[in-house]
Amino acid sequence: MGMKRFIQGNWKQISERLKAKYYNLSEQDLVYDEGSEEQLFRRLQVKLHMGEGELLSELRQIITQSK
């Protein structure tokens, strides 16, 4: 998945934008370890009450703003 590759190199910036937008996210919610993207995505889906498609759309929007 291209999203995983992009997240690997840009997670700090993406996570800062997520935390600024969603105040209910904790540092623990945003912990990213390379290779555990699926766990991160599931954690964010639960915390943000989003389905997989919604979360990926949100991440794409944040990534687009990052450029």
Protein backbone atom coordinates (compact mmCIF):
# COMPACT_ATOMS: atom_id res chain seq x y z
CA MET A 1 0.00 0.00 0.00
CA GLY A 2 1.44 3.39 -0.99
CA MET A 3 -0.05 5.00 2.09
CA LYS A 4 2.14 2.87 4.36
CA ARG A 5 5.28 3.90 2.51
CA PHE A 6 4.38 7.59 2.71
CA ILE A 7 3.55 7.35 6.40
CA GLN A 8 6.93 5.79 7.16
CA GLY A 9 8.79 8.92 6.11
CA ASN A 10 6.28 11.53 7.21
CA TRP A 11 4.62 10.21 10.35
CA LYS A 12 5.88 12.94 12.67
CA GLN A 13 4.27 15.68 10.60
CA ILE A 14 1.10 13.67 9.96
CA SER A 15 0.70 12.79 13.65
CA GLU A 16 1.15 16.44 14.67
CA ARG A 17 -1.63 17.45 12.28
CA LEU A 18 -3.90 14.67 13.55
CA LYS A 19 -3.31 15.66 17.17
CA ALA A 20 -4.03 19.32 16.37
CA LYS A 21 -7.29 18.40 14.66
CA TYR A 22 -8.44 15.65 17.04
CA TYR A 23 -7.84 16.67 20.64
CA ASN A 24 -8.92 13.28 21.95
CA LEU A 25 -5.82 11.59 20.46
CA SER A 26 -3.06 10.89 22.94
CA GLU A 27 0.64 10.40 22.29
CA GLN A 28 0.05 6.67 22.84
CA ASP A 29 -2.66 6.61 20.17
CA LEU A 30 -0.17 8.07 17.70
CA VAL A 31 2.76 5.74 18.41
CA TYR A 32 4.04 4.37 15.11
CA ASP A 33 6.46 1.50 14.71
CA GLU A 34 7.55 0.59 11.21
CA GLY A 35 5.75 -2.55 10.12
CA SER A 36 2.79 -2.03 12.47
CA GLU A 37 0.74 0.25 10.24
CA GLU A 38 -2.35 -1.95 10.44
CA GLN A 39 -2.34 -1.72 14.24
CA LEU A 40 -1.96 2.05 14.03
CA PHE A 41 -4.82 2.31 11.55
CA ARG A 42 -7.10 0.13 13.73
CA ARG A 43 -6.24 2.19 16.83
CA LEU A 44 -7.06 5.43 15.01
CA GLN A 45 -10.30 4.00 13.59
CA VAL A 46 -11.51 3.11 17.07
CA LYS A 47 -10.43 6.37 18.70
CA LEU A 48 -11.84 8.56 15.91
CA HIS A 49 -14.98 6.45 15.32
CA MET A 50 -14.16 6.10 11.62
CA GLY A 51 -14.33 3.23 9.20
CA GLU A 52 -11.29 2.22 7.20
CA GLY A 53 -12.32 4.26 4.17
CA GLU A 54 -13.01 7.36 6.26
CA LEU A 55 -9.66 7.13 8.00
CA LEU A 56 -7.72 6.65 4.78
CA SER A 57 -9.57 9.61 3.26
CA GLU A 58 -8.68 11.73 6.30
CA LEU A 59 -5.02 10.68 6.11
CA ARG A 60 -4.94 11.49 2.38
CA GLN A 61 -6.36 14.93 3.11
CA ILE A 62 -3.73 15.57 5.79
CA ILE A 63 -0.98 14.30 3.51
CA THR A 64 -2.15 16.58 0.72
CA GLN A 65 -2.01 19.54 3.13
CA SER A 66 1.53 18.49 4.09
CA LYS A 67 2.90 19.01 0.59
